[in-house]
Amino acid sequence: MILTLEKKEKSKMTKRPKTTGEHIIALYGHISGVKKSIDNLKSNHIKHLHSDVDKIDNKIDKITSWIIYGLGSFGIVLLGQLLYILTK
């Protein structure tokens, strides 16, 4: 297994840079590849995360609304009972 991975890694690298200039050119190529990957993440994955967060936010808003409505109803019933007892 290790030997096949080493062979695959060697086959990916076509040529090792020998001079400083070749190293710099290889680094520029690597940096441009990283920039493209970052742009891809920004354009695709962040949009998906944003939509997922919006969906969760809407669900939390609904749950919060139901809790507030329930507490309000309970308060109105409690106030009604209190007023009934006081007027009796």
C-alpha atoms as a PDB file:
ATOM      1  CA  MET A   1       0.000   0.000   0.000  1.00  0.00           C
ATOM      2  CA  ILE A   2       2.773   2.427   0.897  1.00  0.00           C
ATOM      3  CA  LEU A   3       4.695   1.644  -2.255  1.00  0.00           C
ATOM      4  CA  THR A   4       1.701   2.385  -4.471  1.00  0.00           C
ATOM      5  CA  LEU A   5       1.133   5.724  -2.737  1.00  0.00           C
ATOM      6  CA  GLU A   6       4.777   6.677  -3.204  1.00  0.00           C
ATOM      7  CA  LYS A   7       4.584   5.780  -6.889  1.00  0.00           C
ATOM      8  CA  LYS A   8       1.433   7.847  -7.331  1.00  0.00           C
ATOM      9  CA  GLU A   9       3.015  10.825  -5.577  1.00  0.00           C
ATOM     10  CA  LYS A  10       6.089  10.592  -7.781  1.00  0.00           C
ATOM     11  CA  SER A  11       3.967  10.382 -10.917  1.00  0.00           C
ATOM     12  CA  LYS A  12       2.120  13.586  -9.941  1.00  0.00           C
ATOM     13  CA  MET A  13       5.341  15.564  -9.800  1.00  0.00           C
ATOM     14  CA  THR A  14       6.577  15.951 -13.333  1.00  0.00           C
ATOM     15  CA  LYS A  15       9.793  17.796 -12.628  1.00  0.00           C
ATOM     16  CA  ARG A  16      11.521  19.063  -9.523  1.00  0.00           C
ATOM     17  CA  PRO A  17      12.700  22.670  -9.676  1.00  0.00           C
ATOM     18  CA  LYS A  18      16.482  22.950  -9.669  1.00  0.00           C
ATOM     19  CA  THR A  19      17.192  26.666  -9.686  1.00  0.00           C
ATOM     20  CA  THR A  20      15.880  29.445  -7.495  1.00  0.00           C
ATOM     21  CA  GLY A  21      13.941  30.861 -10.424  1.00  0.00           C
ATOM     22  CA  GLU A  22      12.217  27.536 -11.013  1.00  0.00           C
ATOM     23  CA  HIS A  23      11.347  27.347  -7.306  1.00  0.00           C
ATOM     24  CA  ILE A  24       9.822  30.821  -7.429  1.00  0.00           C
ATOM     25  CA  ILE A  25       7.781  29.942 -10.520  1.00  0.00           C
ATOM     26  CA  ALA A  26       6.579  26.745  -8.834  1.00  0.00           C
ATOM     27  CA  LEU A  27       5.582  28.728  -5.749  1.00  0.00           C
ATOM     28  CA  TYR A  28       3.663  31.249  -7.871  1.00  0.00           C
ATOM     29  CA  GLY A  29       1.803  28.361  -9.489  1.00  0.00           C
ATOM     30  CA  HIS A  30       1.003  26.900  -6.098  1.00  0.00           C
ATOM     31  CA  ILE A  31      -0.197  30.278  -4.801  1.00  0.00           C
ATOM     32  CA  SER A  32      -2.453  30.803  -7.813  1.00  0.00           C
ATOM     33  CA  GLY A  33      -3.930  27.338  -7.250  1.00  0.00           C
ATOM     34  CA  VAL A  34      -4.589  28.173  -3.602  1.00  0.00           C
ATOM     35  CA  LYS A  35      -6.231  31.468  -4.640  1.00  0.00           C
ATOM     36  CA  LYS A  36      -8.521  29.597  -7.039  1.00  0.00           C
ATOM     37  CA  SER A  37      -9.463  27.161  -4.272  1.00  0.00           C
ATOM     38  CA  ILE A  38     -10.243  30.029  -1.903  1.00  0.00           C
ATOM     39  CA  ASP A  39     -12.383  31.727  -4.551  1.00  0.00           C
ATOM     40  CA  ASN A  40     -14.211  28.445  -5.103  1.00  0.00           C
ATOM     41  CA  LEU A  41     -14.877  28.134  -1.371  1.00  0.00           C
ATOM     42  CA  LYS A  42     -16.096  31.718  -1.162  1.00  0.00           C
ATOM     43  CA  SER A  43     -18.423  31.422  -4.131  1.00  0.00           C
ATOM     44  CA  ASN A  44     -19.880  27.955  -3.544  1.00  0.00           C
ATOM     45  CA  HIS A  45     -19.581  26.717  -0.001  1.00  0.00           C
ATOM     46  CA  ILE A  46     -20.236  29.967   1.826  1.00  0.00           C
ATOM     47  CA  LYS A  47     -23.478  30.438  -0.123  1.00  0.00           C
ATOM     48  CA  HIS A  48     -24.612  26.980   0.970  1.00  0.00           C
ATOM     49  CA  LEU A  49     -23.653  27.672   4.573  1.00  0.00           C
ATOM     50  CA  HIS A  50     -25.524  30.976   4.456  1.00  0.00           C
ATOM     51  CA  SER A  51     -28.691  29.302   3.202  1.00  0.00           C
ATOM     52  CA  ASP A  52     -28.393  26.585   5.880  1.00  0.00           C
ATOM     53  CA  VAL A  53     -27.980  29.192   8.609  1.00  0.00           C
ATOM     54  CA  ASP A  54     -31.029  31.055   7.289  1.00  0.00           C
ATOM     55  CA  LYS A  55     -33.104  27.855   7.440  1.00  0.00           C
ATOM     56  CA  ILE A  56     -32.024  27.187  11.023  1.00  0.00           C
ATOM     57  CA  ASP A  57     -32.690  30.826  11.937  1.00  0.00           C
ATOM     58  CA  ASN A  58     -36.238  30.578  10.573  1.00  0.00           C
ATOM     59  CA  LYS A  59     -36.872  27.406  12.593  1.00  0.00           C
ATOM     60  CA  ILE A  60     -35.562  29.028  15.773  1.00  0.00           C
ATOM     61  CA  ASP A  61     -37.772  32.080  15.131  1.00  0.00           C
ATOM     62  CA  LYS A  62     -40.828  29.840  14.817  1.00  0.00           C
ATOM     63  CA  ILE A  63     -40.020  27.954  18.010  1.00  0.00           C
ATOM     64  CA  THR A  64     -39.411  31.205  19.882  1.00  0.00           C
ATOM     65  CA  SER A  65     -42.703  32.609  18.622  1.00  0.00           C
ATOM     66  CA  TRP A  66     -44.623  29.549  19.805  1.00  0.00           C
ATOM     67  CA  ILE A  67     -42.980  29.758  23.237  1.00  0.00           C
ATOM     68  CA  ILE A  68     -43.868  33.453  23.547  1.00  0.00           C
ATOM     69  CA  TYR A  69     -47.441  32.802  22.399  1.00  0.00           C
ATOM     70  CA  GLY A  70     -47.770  29.962  24.914  1.00  0.00           C
ATOM     71  CA  LEU A  71     -46.445  32.062  27.765  1.00  0.00           C
ATOM     72  CA  GLY A  72     -48.758  34.919  26.760  1.00  0.00           C
ATOM     73  CA  SER A  73     -51.763  32.597  26.726  1.00  0.00           C
ATOM     74  CA  PHE A  74     -50.806  31.184  30.092  1.00  0.00           C
ATOM     75  CA  GLY A  75     -50.444  34.710  31.484  1.00  0.00           C
ATOM     76  CA  ILE A  76     -53.865  35.743  30.184  1.00  0.00           C
ATOM     77  CA  VAL A  77     -55.490  32.642  31.695  1.00  0.00           C
ATOM     78  CA  LEU A  78     -53.687  33.225  34.992  1.00  0.00           C
ATOM     79  CA  LEU A  79     -54.744  36.884  35.032  1.00  0.00           C
ATOM     80  CA  GLY A  80     -58.350  35.858  34.286  1.00  0.00           C
ATOM     81  CA  GLN A  81     -58.345  33.388  37.152  1.00  0.00           C
ATOM     82  CA  LEU A  82     -56.803  35.952  39.480  1.00  0.00           C
ATOM     83  CA  LEU A  83     -59.441  38.536  38.554  1.00  0.00           C
ATOM     84  CA  TYR A  84     -62.194  35.937  38.996  1.00  0.00           C
ATOM     85  CA  ILE A  85     -60.936  35.100  42.491  1.00  0.00           C
ATOM     86  CA  LEU A  86     -60.601  38.774  43.473  1.00  0.00           C
ATOM     87  CA  THR A  87     -64.125  39.715  42.305  1.00  0.00           C
ATOM     88  CA  LYS A  88     -65.778  36.778  44.042  1.00  0.00           C
END
